[in-house]
N, C-alpha and C. Protein backbone atom coordinates (compact mmCIF):
# COMPACT_ATOMS: atom_id res chain seq x y z
N UNK A 1 59.60 -6.05 8.18
CA UNK A 1 59.65 -4.78 7.63
C UNK A 1 58.14 -4.11 8.62
N UNK A 2 58.01 -3.14 8.65
CA UNK A 2 56.99 -2.24 9.36
C UNK A 2 56.36 -1.27 8.27
N UNK A 3 55.47 -1.18 8.07
CA UNK A 3 55.19 -0.16 6.92
C UNK A 3 54.67 1.21 7.66
N UNK A 4 54.87 2.34 6.99
CA UNK A 4 54.77 3.87 7.37
C UNK A 4 53.53 3.99 8.61
N UNK A 5 53.46 4.44 9.32
CA UNK A 5 51.96 4.39 10.51
C UNK A 5 51.20 5.71 9.86
N UNK A 6 51.85 6.04 8.95
CA UNK A 6 51.00 7.37 8.35
C UNK A 6 49.99 7.03 7.07
N UNK A 7 50.55 5.62 7.12
CA UNK A 7 49.39 4.94 5.66
C UNK A 7 48.03 4.77 6.47
N UNK A 8 47.91 4.49 7.92
CA UNK A 8 46.62 4.17 8.76
C UNK A 8 45.99 5.93 8.99
N UNK A 9 46.47 7.07 8.93
CA UNK A 9 46.12 7.78 8.83
C UNK A 9 44.94 8.29 7.96
N UNK A 10 43.88 9.56 8.26
CA UNK A 10 43.43 9.72 9.93
C UNK A 10 42.82 9.07 10.46
N UNK A 11 42.20 7.59 10.36
CA UNK A 11 41.63 7.16 10.64
C UNK A 11 42.07 6.84 12.12
N UNK A 12 43.22 6.89 12.25
CA UNK A 12 43.73 6.04 13.59
C UNK A 12 43.96 7.43 14.27
N UNK A 13 43.90 8.40 14.28
CA UNK A 13 43.86 9.40 14.91
C UNK A 13 42.72 9.65 15.61
N UNK A 14 41.59 9.90 14.37
CA UNK A 14 40.11 10.31 14.66
C UNK A 14 39.31 9.29 15.84
N UNK A 15 39.73 7.88 15.40
CA UNK A 15 39.33 6.74 16.57
C UNK A 15 40.05 6.98 17.75
N UNK A 16 41.14 6.93 17.95
CA UNK A 16 41.79 7.17 19.08
C UNK A 16 41.23 8.45 20.00
N UNK A 17 41.23 9.53 19.48
CA UNK A 17 40.62 10.82 19.81
C UNK A 17 39.20 10.23 20.41
N UNK A 18 38.19 9.95 19.93
CA UNK A 18 37.11 9.38 19.70
C UNK A 18 36.92 8.38 21.01
N UNK A 19 37.54 7.59 21.36
CA UNK A 19 37.93 6.32 22.17
C UNK A 19 38.15 7.24 23.78
N UNK A 20 39.28 8.32 23.36
CA UNK A 20 39.46 8.93 24.66
C UNK A 20 38.22 9.95 25.01
N UNK A 21 37.28 10.30 24.30
CA UNK A 21 36.37 11.11 24.46
C UNK A 21 35.31 10.19 25.21
N UNK A 22 34.85 9.42 24.57
CA UNK A 22 33.91 8.68 24.79
C UNK A 22 33.98 8.27 26.37
N UNK A 23 35.22 7.90 27.02
CA UNK A 23 35.50 7.05 28.02
C UNK A 23 35.65 8.29 28.90
N UNK A 24 36.61 9.10 28.66
CA UNK A 24 35.83 10.66 29.18
C UNK A 24 34.62 11.17 29.89
N UNK A 25 33.77 11.20 28.80
CA UNK A 25 32.56 11.21 29.75
C UNK A 25 31.82 10.44 30.11
N UNK A 26 32.44 9.12 29.82
CA UNK A 26 31.49 8.00 31.04
C UNK A 26 31.73 8.24 32.48
N UNK A 27 32.93 8.42 32.50
CA UNK A 27 33.57 8.74 33.49
C UNK A 27 33.18 10.28 34.43
N UNK A 28 33.18 11.06 33.37
CA UNK A 28 32.48 12.61 33.95
C UNK A 28 31.31 12.17 34.69
N UNK A 29 30.46 11.33 33.58
CA UNK A 29 28.86 11.20 33.47
C UNK A 29 28.48 10.37 34.79
N UNK A 30 29.44 9.59 35.25
CA UNK A 30 29.23 8.45 36.33
C UNK A 30 29.69 9.32 37.55
N UNK A 31 30.29 10.44 37.87
CA UNK A 31 30.80 10.87 38.85
C UNK A 31 29.72 12.02 39.15
N UNK A 32 29.25 12.52 38.51
CA UNK A 32 27.98 13.46 38.59
C UNK A 32 27.07 12.82 38.97
N UNK A 33 26.78 11.58 38.14
CA UNK A 33 25.52 10.91 38.90
C UNK A 33 25.67 10.27 40.23
N UNK A 34 26.95 10.32 40.80
CA UNK A 34 26.92 10.31 42.35
C UNK A 34 25.97 11.06 43.09
N UNK A 35 26.36 12.38 42.82
CA UNK A 35 26.08 13.70 43.13
C UNK A 35 24.91 14.35 42.88
N UNK A 36 24.20 13.72 41.71
CA UNK A 36 22.91 14.40 41.29
C UNK A 36 22.36 13.38 41.02
N UNK A 37 21.14 12.91 41.41
CA UNK A 37 20.13 12.21 40.87
C UNK A 37 19.40 12.38 39.34
N UNK A 38 19.69 13.91 39.16
CA UNK A 38 19.12 13.96 37.83
C UNK A 38 19.89 13.71 36.63
N UNK A 39 21.20 12.95 36.78
CA UNK A 39 22.26 13.13 35.91
C UNK A 39 22.11 11.38 35.79
N UNK A 40 22.12 11.17 34.13
CA UNK A 40 22.25 9.73 33.88
C UNK A 40 23.06 9.73 32.77
N UNK A 41 23.77 8.45 33.01
CA UNK A 41 25.04 8.25 31.62
C UNK A 41 24.28 7.91 30.90
N UNK A 42 23.11 8.69 29.84
CA UNK A 42 22.88 8.14 28.87
C UNK A 42 21.48 7.32 28.66
N UNK A 43 21.18 6.98 29.60
CA UNK A 43 20.46 5.70 30.00
C UNK A 43 19.96 5.50 31.40
N UNK A 44 18.43 4.97 31.71
CA UNK A 44 18.05 4.85 33.15
C UNK A 44 17.19 6.25 33.43
N UNK A 45 16.45 6.96 32.67
CA UNK A 45 16.13 8.40 32.72
C UNK A 45 14.74 8.04 33.75
N UNK A 46 14.13 9.21 33.80
CA UNK A 46 12.95 9.06 35.05
C UNK A 46 11.79 8.62 33.88
N UNK A 47 11.71 8.54 32.73
CA UNK A 47 10.45 8.04 32.74
C UNK A 47 10.93 6.92 31.34
N UNK A 48 10.07 6.47 31.01
CA UNK A 48 10.51 4.85 29.92
C UNK A 48 9.55 5.07 29.01
N UNK A 49 9.98 5.14 27.36
CA UNK A 49 9.28 5.42 26.48
C UNK A 49 9.45 4.63 25.24
N UNK A 50 8.99 4.25 24.34
CA UNK A 50 8.95 3.63 23.03
C UNK A 50 7.65 3.93 22.18
N UNK A 51 8.41 3.94 21.15
CA UNK A 51 7.54 4.54 19.66
C UNK A 51 7.01 3.25 19.17
N UNK A 52 5.61 3.24 18.60
CA UNK A 52 5.19 2.09 17.98
C UNK A 52 5.34 2.78 16.28
N UNK A 53 6.41 2.00 15.77
CA UNK A 53 6.43 2.30 14.10
C UNK A 53 5.37 1.39 13.45
N UNK A 54 5.00 0.55 13.79
CA UNK A 54 3.83 -0.14 13.16
C UNK A 54 2.52 0.26 13.08
N UNK A 55 2.35 0.94 13.41
CA UNK A 55 0.76 2.04 13.42
C UNK A 55 1.18 3.13 13.45
N UNK A 56 0.07 3.36 12.94
CA UNK A 56 -0.12 5.69 12.45
C UNK A 56 -1.25 5.68 11.83
N UNK A 57 -1.59 7.06 11.55
CA UNK A 57 -2.74 7.50 11.19
C UNK A 57 -2.17 8.88 10.66
N UNK A 58 -3.40 9.92 10.82
CA UNK A 58 -3.33 11.28 10.37
C UNK A 58 -4.22 11.78 10.29
N UNK A 59 -4.76 13.03 10.32
CA UNK A 59 -6.01 14.21 10.78
C UNK A 59 -5.82 14.99 10.64
N UNK A 60 -6.73 15.72 10.35
CA UNK A 60 -6.82 17.18 10.05
C UNK A 60 -6.37 18.09 11.44
N UNK A 61 -6.67 17.27 12.56
CA UNK A 61 -6.17 18.25 14.06
C UNK A 61 -5.04 17.94 13.83
N UNK A 62 -3.78 16.90 13.21
CA UNK A 62 -2.43 17.22 13.21
C UNK A 62 -1.99 18.04 12.00
N UNK A 63 -2.59 17.93 10.79
CA UNK A 63 -2.58 19.15 9.75
C UNK A 63 -2.17 20.39 10.37
N UNK A 64 -3.52 20.89 11.18
CA UNK A 64 -3.49 22.04 11.73
C UNK A 64 -2.84 22.40 12.55
N UNK A 65 -2.07 21.61 13.24
CA UNK A 65 -0.52 21.69 14.56
C UNK A 65 0.58 21.98 14.13
N UNK A 66 0.57 21.22 12.83
CA UNK A 66 2.04 21.24 12.39
C UNK A 66 2.13 21.78 11.10
N UNK A 67 1.00 22.33 10.37
CA UNK A 67 1.05 23.28 9.04
C UNK A 67 1.58 22.70 7.88
N UNK A 68 1.63 21.87 7.47
CA UNK A 68 2.36 21.40 6.11
C UNK A 68 2.03 21.95 5.09
N UNK A 69 2.94 22.13 4.09
CA UNK A 69 2.63 22.58 2.69
C UNK A 69 1.40 22.00 2.28
N UNK A 70 1.27 23.10 0.91
CA UNK A 70 -0.06 21.89 0.47
C UNK A 70 0.21 21.11 -0.65
N UNK A 71 -0.66 20.11 -0.48
CA UNK A 71 0.00 19.27 -1.20
C UNK A 71 0.68 17.94 -0.25
N UNK A 72 1.04 18.50 0.96
CA UNK A 72 1.35 17.08 1.92
C UNK A 72 0.62 17.17 3.09
N UNK A 73 1.01 16.18 4.04
CA UNK A 73 0.22 15.38 5.04
C UNK A 73 0.74 15.39 6.04
N UNK A 74 0.69 15.04 7.53
CA UNK A 74 1.31 15.08 8.59
C UNK A 74 0.92 13.51 9.31
N UNK A 75 1.71 12.35 9.43
CA UNK A 75 1.45 11.32 9.70
C UNK A 75 1.72 11.49 11.30
N UNK A 76 0.65 10.53 11.83
CA UNK A 76 0.61 10.33 13.69
C UNK A 76 1.14 9.04 14.17
N UNK A 77 2.30 9.09 14.63
CA UNK A 77 2.94 7.89 15.28
C UNK A 77 3.05 7.59 16.53
N UNK A 78 2.23 7.33 17.42
CA UNK A 78 2.52 6.89 18.74
C UNK A 78 3.29 6.55 19.47
N UNK A 79 3.96 7.19 20.44
CA UNK A 79 4.89 7.21 21.01
C UNK A 79 4.18 7.26 22.71
N UNK A 80 4.73 6.25 23.40
CA UNK A 80 4.25 5.78 24.75
C UNK A 80 5.23 6.11 25.83
N UNK A 81 4.99 6.98 26.78
CA UNK A 81 6.03 6.71 27.79
C UNK A 81 4.96 6.89 28.93
N UNK A 82 6.20 5.73 30.20
CA UNK A 82 5.54 5.74 31.44
C UNK A 82 5.93 6.82 32.73
N UNK A 83 5.09 7.83 32.87
CA UNK A 83 5.57 8.48 34.05
C UNK A 83 6.12 8.30 34.89
N UNK A 84 5.75 6.92 35.38
CA UNK A 84 6.42 6.91 36.91
C UNK A 84 6.52 4.88 36.18
N UNK A 85 7.81 4.83 35.84
CA UNK A 85 8.29 3.52 35.32
C UNK A 85 8.14 2.50 36.18
N UNK A 86 7.84 1.25 36.06
CA UNK A 86 8.12 0.12 37.18
C UNK A 86 9.35 -0.25 37.16
N UNK A 87 10.04 -0.97 38.00
CA UNK A 87 11.24 -2.01 37.76
C UNK A 87 11.54 -2.75 36.42
N UNK A 88 10.22 -3.39 36.21
CA UNK A 88 10.28 -4.08 34.96
C UNK A 88 10.67 -2.92 33.92
N UNK A 89 9.70 -2.06 33.93
CA UNK A 89 9.73 -1.06 32.34
C UNK A 89 11.34 -0.45 32.43
N UNK A 90 11.67 0.00 33.33
CA UNK A 90 13.17 0.26 33.34
C UNK A 90 14.13 -0.68 33.05
N UNK A 91 13.87 -1.39 33.41
CA UNK A 91 14.79 -2.65 33.11
C UNK A 91 14.88 -2.83 31.41
N UNK A 92 13.48 -2.91 30.99
CA UNK A 92 13.29 -3.07 29.43
C UNK A 92 14.15 -1.83 28.68
N UNK A 93 13.62 -0.78 29.06
CA UNK A 93 14.17 0.58 28.59
C UNK A 93 16.09 0.91 28.87
N UNK A 94 16.21 0.29 29.41
CA UNK A 94 17.91 0.08 29.47
C UNK A 94 18.03 -0.96 28.67
N UNK A 95 17.36 -1.66 28.70
CA UNK A 95 17.66 -3.08 27.47
C UNK A 95 17.86 -2.84 26.07
N UNK A 96 16.89 -1.50 26.00
CA UNK A 96 16.72 -0.85 24.95
C UNK A 96 18.03 0.24 24.17
N UNK A 97 18.61 0.67 25.10
CA UNK A 97 19.36 1.67 24.89
C UNK A 97 20.67 1.22 25.09
N UNK A 98 21.12 0.30 25.97
CA UNK A 98 22.73 0.19 26.39
C UNK A 98 23.20 -0.77 25.59
N UNK A 99 22.74 -2.02 24.87
CA UNK A 99 23.21 -3.08 24.47
C UNK A 99 23.97 -2.02 22.89
N UNK A 100 23.40 -1.25 22.21
CA UNK A 100 24.24 -0.81 21.30
C UNK A 100 25.31 0.25 21.50
N UNK A 101 25.05 0.75 22.86
CA UNK A 101 26.03 2.01 23.29
C UNK A 101 27.30 0.78 23.37
N UNK A 102 27.14 -0.14 24.56
CA UNK A 102 27.95 -1.13 24.53
C UNK A 102 28.84 -1.87 23.30
N UNK A 103 28.03 -2.32 22.22
CA UNK A 103 28.49 -2.18 20.92
C UNK A 103 29.41 -1.41 20.34
N UNK A 104 28.69 -0.33 20.34
CA UNK A 104 30.02 1.09 19.83
C UNK A 104 31.04 1.35 20.47
N UNK A 105 31.18 1.06 22.09
CA UNK A 105 32.39 1.24 22.89
C UNK A 105 33.18 0.34 22.34
N UNK A 106 32.92 -1.11 22.53
CA UNK A 106 33.74 -2.30 22.33
C UNK A 106 34.58 -2.54 21.19
N UNK A 107 33.26 -1.87 20.30
CA UNK A 107 34.07 -1.91 18.74
C UNK A 107 35.04 -0.99 18.33
N UNK A 108 34.72 0.35 18.90
CA UNK A 108 35.83 1.28 18.58
C UNK A 108 37.20 0.93 19.47
N UNK A 109 36.97 0.15 20.94
CA UNK A 109 38.25 -0.20 21.43
C UNK A 109 39.15 -1.52 20.55
N UNK A 110 38.13 -2.27 19.99
CA UNK A 110 38.61 -3.14 18.60
C UNK A 110 39.45 -2.50 18.23
N UNK A 111 38.81 -1.55 17.31
CA UNK A 111 39.49 -0.78 16.23
C UNK A 111 40.48 -0.21 16.44
N UNK A 112 40.58 0.29 17.64
CA UNK A 112 41.92 1.56 18.06
C UNK A 112 42.89 0.26 18.63
N UNK A 113 42.50 -0.91 18.86
CA UNK A 113 43.80 -1.55 19.20
C UNK A 113 43.86 -2.53 17.95
N UNK A 114 43.18 -2.60 16.94
CA UNK A 114 43.56 -2.81 15.54
C UNK A 114 44.75 -1.67 14.83
N UNK A 115 44.21 -0.56 14.78
CA UNK A 115 45.12 0.28 14.22
C UNK A 115 46.70 0.50 14.79
N UNK A 116 46.49 0.51 16.49
CA UNK A 116 48.12 0.97 16.98
C UNK A 116 48.89 -0.39 16.74
N UNK A 117 48.51 -1.29 16.77
CA UNK A 117 48.90 -3.11 16.52
C UNK A 117 49.67 -2.94 15.30
N UNK A 118 48.63 -2.04 14.04
CA UNK A 118 49.17 -2.37 12.71
C UNK A 118 50.06 -1.43 12.66
N UNK A 119 49.98 -0.20 13.33
CA UNK A 119 51.29 0.76 13.27
C UNK A 119 52.75 0.59 13.97
N UNK A 120 52.39 -0.40 14.97
CA UNK A 120 53.68 -0.82 15.62
C UNK A 120 54.08 -2.02 14.73
N UNK A 121 53.56 -3.05 14.08
CA UNK A 121 54.11 -4.31 13.96
C UNK A 121 54.09 -4.78 12.42
N UNK A 122 52.91 -3.47 11.83
CA UNK A 122 52.70 -3.59 10.17
C UNK A 122 51.46 -4.08 9.82
N UNK A 123 50.71 -3.22 8.74
CA UNK A 123 49.73 -3.75 7.91
C UNK A 123 49.44 -5.34 7.48
N UNK A 124 50.94 -5.64 6.89
CA UNK A 124 50.67 -7.29 6.37
C UNK A 124 51.48 -8.00 7.05
N UNK A 125 50.63 -8.31 8.43
CA UNK A 125 51.07 -9.29 9.59
C UNK A 125 50.17 -9.94 9.86
N UNK A 126 50.54 -11.22 10.47
CA UNK A 126 49.64 -12.46 10.82
C UNK A 126 48.91 -11.52 12.36
N UNK A 127 49.53 -10.90 12.78
CA UNK A 127 48.89 -10.20 13.78
C UNK A 127 47.69 -9.22 13.49
N UNK A 128 47.85 -8.42 12.40
CA UNK A 128 46.77 -7.95 11.78
C UNK A 128 45.86 -8.05 11.51
N UNK A 129 46.01 -9.38 10.53
CA UNK A 129 44.75 -10.23 10.24
C UNK A 129 44.15 -10.72 11.17
N UNK A 130 44.73 -11.24 12.21
CA UNK A 130 44.13 -11.80 13.31
C UNK A 130 42.85 -10.85 14.12
N UNK A 131 43.26 -9.66 14.28
CA UNK A 131 42.66 -8.33 14.81
C UNK A 131 41.53 -8.07 13.90
N UNK A 132 42.15 -7.98 12.47
CA UNK A 132 41.00 -7.76 11.69
C UNK A 132 39.65 -8.74 11.71
N UNK A 133 40.08 -9.73 11.72
CA UNK A 133 39.22 -11.08 11.39
C UNK A 133 38.20 -11.09 13.12
N UNK A 134 38.71 -10.57 13.71
CA UNK A 134 38.06 -10.58 15.22
C UNK A 134 37.11 -9.37 15.15
N UNK A 135 37.42 -8.01 14.49
CA UNK A 135 37.09 -7.01 14.49
C UNK A 135 35.53 -7.44 13.86
N UNK A 136 35.89 -7.80 12.44
CA UNK A 136 34.45 -8.67 11.78
C UNK A 136 33.53 -9.16 12.42
N UNK A 137 34.31 -10.64 12.95
CA UNK A 137 33.20 -11.35 13.58
C UNK A 137 32.55 -10.82 14.60
N UNK A 138 33.13 -9.40 15.45
CA UNK A 138 32.56 -9.29 16.76
C UNK A 138 31.54 -8.17 16.42
N UNK A 139 31.44 -7.39 15.01
CA UNK A 139 30.58 -6.72 14.65
C UNK A 139 29.18 -6.99 14.02
N UNK A 140 29.79 -8.21 13.20
CA UNK A 140 28.36 -9.04 12.70
C UNK A 140 27.77 -9.51 13.35
N UNK A 141 28.26 -10.68 14.97
CA UNK A 141 27.42 -11.51 15.45
C UNK A 141 26.68 -10.35 16.75
N UNK A 142 27.92 -8.99 17.06
CA UNK A 142 27.36 -8.20 18.18
C UNK A 142 26.41 -7.27 17.34
N UNK A 143 26.19 -6.87 16.03
CA UNK A 143 25.03 -6.11 15.89
C UNK A 143 23.59 -6.99 15.75
N UNK A 144 24.22 -8.45 15.41
CA UNK A 144 23.16 -9.16 15.56
C UNK A 144 21.63 -9.48 16.83
N UNK A 145 23.13 -9.51 17.86
CA UNK A 145 22.20 -9.57 19.19
C UNK A 145 21.87 -8.49 19.51
N UNK A 146 22.39 -7.44 19.52
CA UNK A 146 21.90 -6.09 19.77
C UNK A 146 20.67 -5.93 19.43
N UNK A 147 20.42 -6.51 17.84
CA UNK A 147 18.85 -5.74 17.31
C UNK A 147 18.50 -6.78 17.81
N UNK A 148 18.55 -7.83 18.15
CA UNK A 148 17.53 -9.28 19.13
C UNK A 148 17.26 -8.42 20.11
N UNK A 149 18.03 -8.31 21.05
CA UNK A 149 17.61 -7.66 22.09
C UNK A 149 16.87 -6.26 22.34
N UNK A 150 17.52 -5.74 21.64
CA UNK A 150 16.56 -4.08 21.19
C UNK A 150 15.15 -4.51 21.12
N UNK A 151 15.25 -5.20 20.02
CA UNK A 151 13.58 -5.58 19.55
C UNK A 151 12.94 -6.35 20.34
N UNK A 152 13.37 -7.00 20.97
CA UNK A 152 12.24 -7.54 22.52
C UNK A 152 12.42 -6.78 23.36
N UNK A 153 12.75 -5.94 23.92
CA UNK A 153 12.92 -5.15 25.22
C UNK A 153 11.72 -4.05 24.61
N UNK A 154 12.08 -3.38 23.34
CA UNK A 154 11.14 -2.78 22.88
C UNK A 154 9.67 -3.12 22.81
N UNK A 155 9.50 -4.34 22.01
CA UNK A 155 8.44 -4.58 22.12
C UNK A 155 7.72 -5.64 23.29
N UNK A 156 8.40 -5.94 24.23
CA UNK A 156 7.78 -6.09 25.47
C UNK A 156 7.67 -4.59 26.46
N UNK A 157 8.38 -3.64 26.03
CA UNK A 157 7.90 -2.34 26.92
C UNK A 157 6.61 -1.85 26.00
N UNK A 158 6.35 -2.26 24.86
CA UNK A 158 4.91 -1.34 24.16
C UNK A 158 4.16 -2.24 24.94
N UNK A 159 4.10 -3.29 25.66
CA UNK A 159 3.47 -4.06 25.86
C UNK A 159 2.63 -3.73 26.76
N UNK A 160 3.52 -3.62 27.77
CA UNK A 160 3.25 -2.92 28.86
C UNK A 160 2.27 -1.31 29.16
N UNK A 161 2.75 -0.73 27.84
CA UNK A 161 2.00 0.44 27.90
C UNK A 161 1.08 1.08 26.97
N UNK A 162 0.78 -0.37 25.70
CA UNK A 162 -0.60 -0.12 25.22
C UNK A 162 -1.80 -1.21 25.63
N UNK A 163 -2.51 -0.71 25.72
CA UNK A 163 -3.78 -2.07 25.77
C UNK A 163 -4.10 -2.78 24.87
N UNK A 164 -4.14 -2.46 23.51
CA UNK A 164 -4.61 -3.20 22.59
C UNK A 164 -3.03 -4.06 21.84
N UNK A 165 -1.92 -3.57 22.32
CA UNK A 165 -0.59 -4.19 21.87
C UNK A 165 0.15 -5.55 22.82
N UNK A 166 -0.32 -6.57 22.51
CA UNK A 166 0.39 -7.61 22.86
C UNK A 166 2.19 -8.15 22.79
N UNK A 167 2.62 -8.64 23.61
CA UNK A 167 3.87 -9.24 23.15
C UNK A 167 4.08 -10.56 22.23
N UNK A 168 4.14 -10.61 21.13
CA UNK A 168 4.33 -11.39 20.31
C UNK A 168 5.27 -11.43 19.22
N UNK A 169 5.20 -12.41 18.29
CA UNK A 169 6.07 -12.33 17.28
C UNK A 169 5.64 -11.01 16.19
N UNK A 170 4.66 -10.54 15.65
CA UNK A 170 4.22 -9.28 15.39
C UNK A 170 4.87 -8.38 15.90
N UNK A 171 4.34 -8.12 16.83
CA UNK A 171 5.05 -6.81 17.50
C UNK A 171 6.52 -6.81 17.78
N UNK A 172 7.11 -7.75 17.91
CA UNK A 172 8.36 -7.88 17.75
C UNK A 172 9.16 -7.77 16.49
N UNK A 173 8.37 -8.16 15.64
CA UNK A 173 8.95 -7.75 13.87
C UNK A 173 8.57 -6.19 13.96
N UNK A 174 7.95 -5.83 14.65
CA UNK A 174 7.63 -3.73 14.08
C UNK A 174 8.75 -3.53 14.86
N UNK A 175 9.21 -4.01 16.08
CA UNK A 175 10.66 -2.86 16.61
C UNK A 175 11.61 -3.36 16.10
N UNK A 176 11.61 -4.26 14.93
CA UNK A 176 13.17 -5.24 14.55
C UNK A 176 13.67 -4.08 13.03
N UNK A 177 15.07 -3.89 13.77
CA UNK A 177 15.24 -2.63 12.58
C UNK A 177 16.93 -3.78 11.90
N UNK A 178 16.58 -4.09 10.68
CA UNK A 178 17.62 -4.85 10.24
C UNK A 178 18.94 -4.39 10.15
N UNK A 179 20.15 -4.70 10.75
CA UNK A 179 21.29 -3.79 11.04
C UNK A 179 22.22 -3.92 9.42
N UNK A 180 21.67 -3.71 8.44
CA UNK A 180 22.38 -3.88 7.07
C UNK A 180 23.47 -3.24 7.00
N UNK A 181 23.95 -2.26 7.37
CA UNK A 181 25.35 -1.42 7.10
C UNK A 181 26.23 -2.23 8.55
N UNK A 182 25.96 -2.77 9.24
CA UNK A 182 26.91 -3.23 10.20
C UNK A 182 27.42 -4.63 9.59
N UNK A 183 26.23 -5.22 9.12
CA UNK A 183 26.36 -6.73 8.66
C UNK A 183 27.05 -6.22 7.17
N UNK A 184 27.17 -5.62 6.60
CA UNK A 184 27.98 -5.41 5.40
C UNK A 184 29.66 -5.18 5.54
N UNK A 185 29.81 -3.98 6.77
CA UNK A 185 30.91 -3.65 7.05
C UNK A 185 31.57 -4.86 8.01
N UNK A 186 31.05 -5.85 8.53
CA UNK A 186 31.72 -6.73 9.11
C UNK A 186 31.91 -7.52 7.97
N UNK A 187 31.15 -8.12 7.42
CA UNK A 187 31.60 -9.01 6.26
C UNK A 187 32.81 -8.83 5.11
N UNK A 188 32.78 -7.20 4.78
CA UNK A 188 33.53 -6.41 4.25
C UNK A 188 35.34 -6.75 5.27
N UNK A 189 35.15 -6.49 6.51
CA UNK A 189 36.18 -6.59 7.33
C UNK A 189 36.95 -8.05 7.42
N UNK A 190 35.67 -9.13 7.61
CA UNK A 190 36.04 -10.52 7.55
C UNK A 190 37.16 -10.69 5.86
N UNK A 191 36.53 -10.17 5.00
CA UNK A 191 37.25 -10.17 3.58
C UNK A 191 38.28 -9.60 3.51
N UNK A 192 38.65 -8.26 4.09
CA UNK A 192 40.02 -7.93 4.00
C UNK A 192 40.48 -8.80 4.68
N UNK A 193 40.49 -9.42 6.01
CA UNK A 193 41.13 -9.94 6.92
C UNK A 193 41.92 -11.06 6.23
N UNK A 194 41.22 -12.20 5.20
CA UNK A 194 41.37 -12.87 4.35
C UNK A 194 42.42 -12.62 3.28
N UNK A 195 42.32 -11.21 3.03
CA UNK A 195 43.24 -10.57 1.64
C UNK A 195 44.59 -10.46 2.59
N UNK A 196 44.81 -9.87 3.91
CA UNK A 196 45.82 -9.55 4.33
C UNK A 196 46.30 -11.06 4.66
N UNK A 197 45.85 -11.40 5.27
CA UNK A 197 46.81 -12.90 5.34
C UNK A 197 47.06 -13.56 4.47
N UNK A 198 46.60 -13.29 3.12
CA UNK A 198 46.75 -13.87 1.88
C UNK A 198 48.40 -13.02 1.76
N UNK A 199 48.17 -11.85 1.65
CA UNK A 199 49.54 -10.98 1.37
C UNK A 199 50.68 -11.18 2.26
N UNK A 200 50.21 -11.62 3.58
CA UNK A 200 51.58 -12.14 4.39
C UNK A 200 52.19 -13.26 4.05
N UNK A 201 51.21 -14.61 3.43
CA UNK A 201 51.75 -15.53 2.93
C UNK A 201 52.60 -15.58 1.71
N UNK A 202 52.15 -14.50 0.46
CA UNK A 202 52.94 -13.98 -0.46
C UNK A 202 54.29 -13.69 -0.07
N UNK A 203 54.02 -12.39 1.00
CA UNK A 203 55.43 -11.69 1.37
C UNK A 203 56.36 -13.09 1.80
N UNK A 204 55.76 -13.83 2.62
CA UNK A 204 57.07 -14.86 2.94
C UNK A 204 57.25 -16.02 2.06
N UNK A 205 56.83 -16.11 1.05
CA UNK A 205 57.03 -17.01 -0.42
C UNK A 205 58.30 -15.89 -0.84
N UNK A 206 57.65 -15.28 -1.21
CA UNK A 206 58.85 -14.47 -1.83
C UNK A 206 60.29 -14.40 -0.90
N UNK A 207 60.30 -13.72 0.11
CA UNK A 207 61.03 -13.70 0.88
C UNK A 207 62.08 -14.72 1.19
N UNK A 208 61.27 -16.14 1.28
CA UNK A 208 61.90 -17.53 1.35
C UNK A 208 62.72 -17.89 0.00
N UNK A 209 62.59 -17.13 -1.22
CA UNK A 209 62.97 -17.74 -2.33
C UNK A 209 64.39 -16.34 -3.10
N UNK A 210 64.21 -15.50 -1.91
CA UNK A 210 65.37 -14.12 -2.45
C UNK A 210 66.79 -14.94 -1.53
């Protein structure tokens, strides 16, 4: 028995539209980059920049420049940029921006596959439970790997731009941003995968007793 596909709306339509939009944008950006060196597909620009969130300060100069309201102050957080980055710095800059984008695209493709399969085969099926579990594990492991790669790349890039910063565990922790929402979302998907599989088993048992 196949459930009503409308039960998957509006998520199914939105995800399908976003996937097509992102893929179309990538194709157009790639084609334009072949004819215009100033066009980049989201990364690999002319400069390599990184913000050192672990340090900062304030001064009367920044207050006069940004004009905060009475009783408020303006923090100064350094952002380092290489005007003429080396190949190594360009690689680190790409490793900071590209992995999150790859995770986004791949997760959307898996989610789109899940929704299309559920609309075709039904929500309470073994196939849907398997696809749901695959998406959960992909998001869980992928978010951790992406953040690990991103933090290492940013810490290494910062070490090449700031004299008093070395590539160390402390610098790595300063750039690490825990993907709490991605992890909790992935755990939720794995939980719902178990619920769906349990529902499939219960339905098969009920159909077998009738």
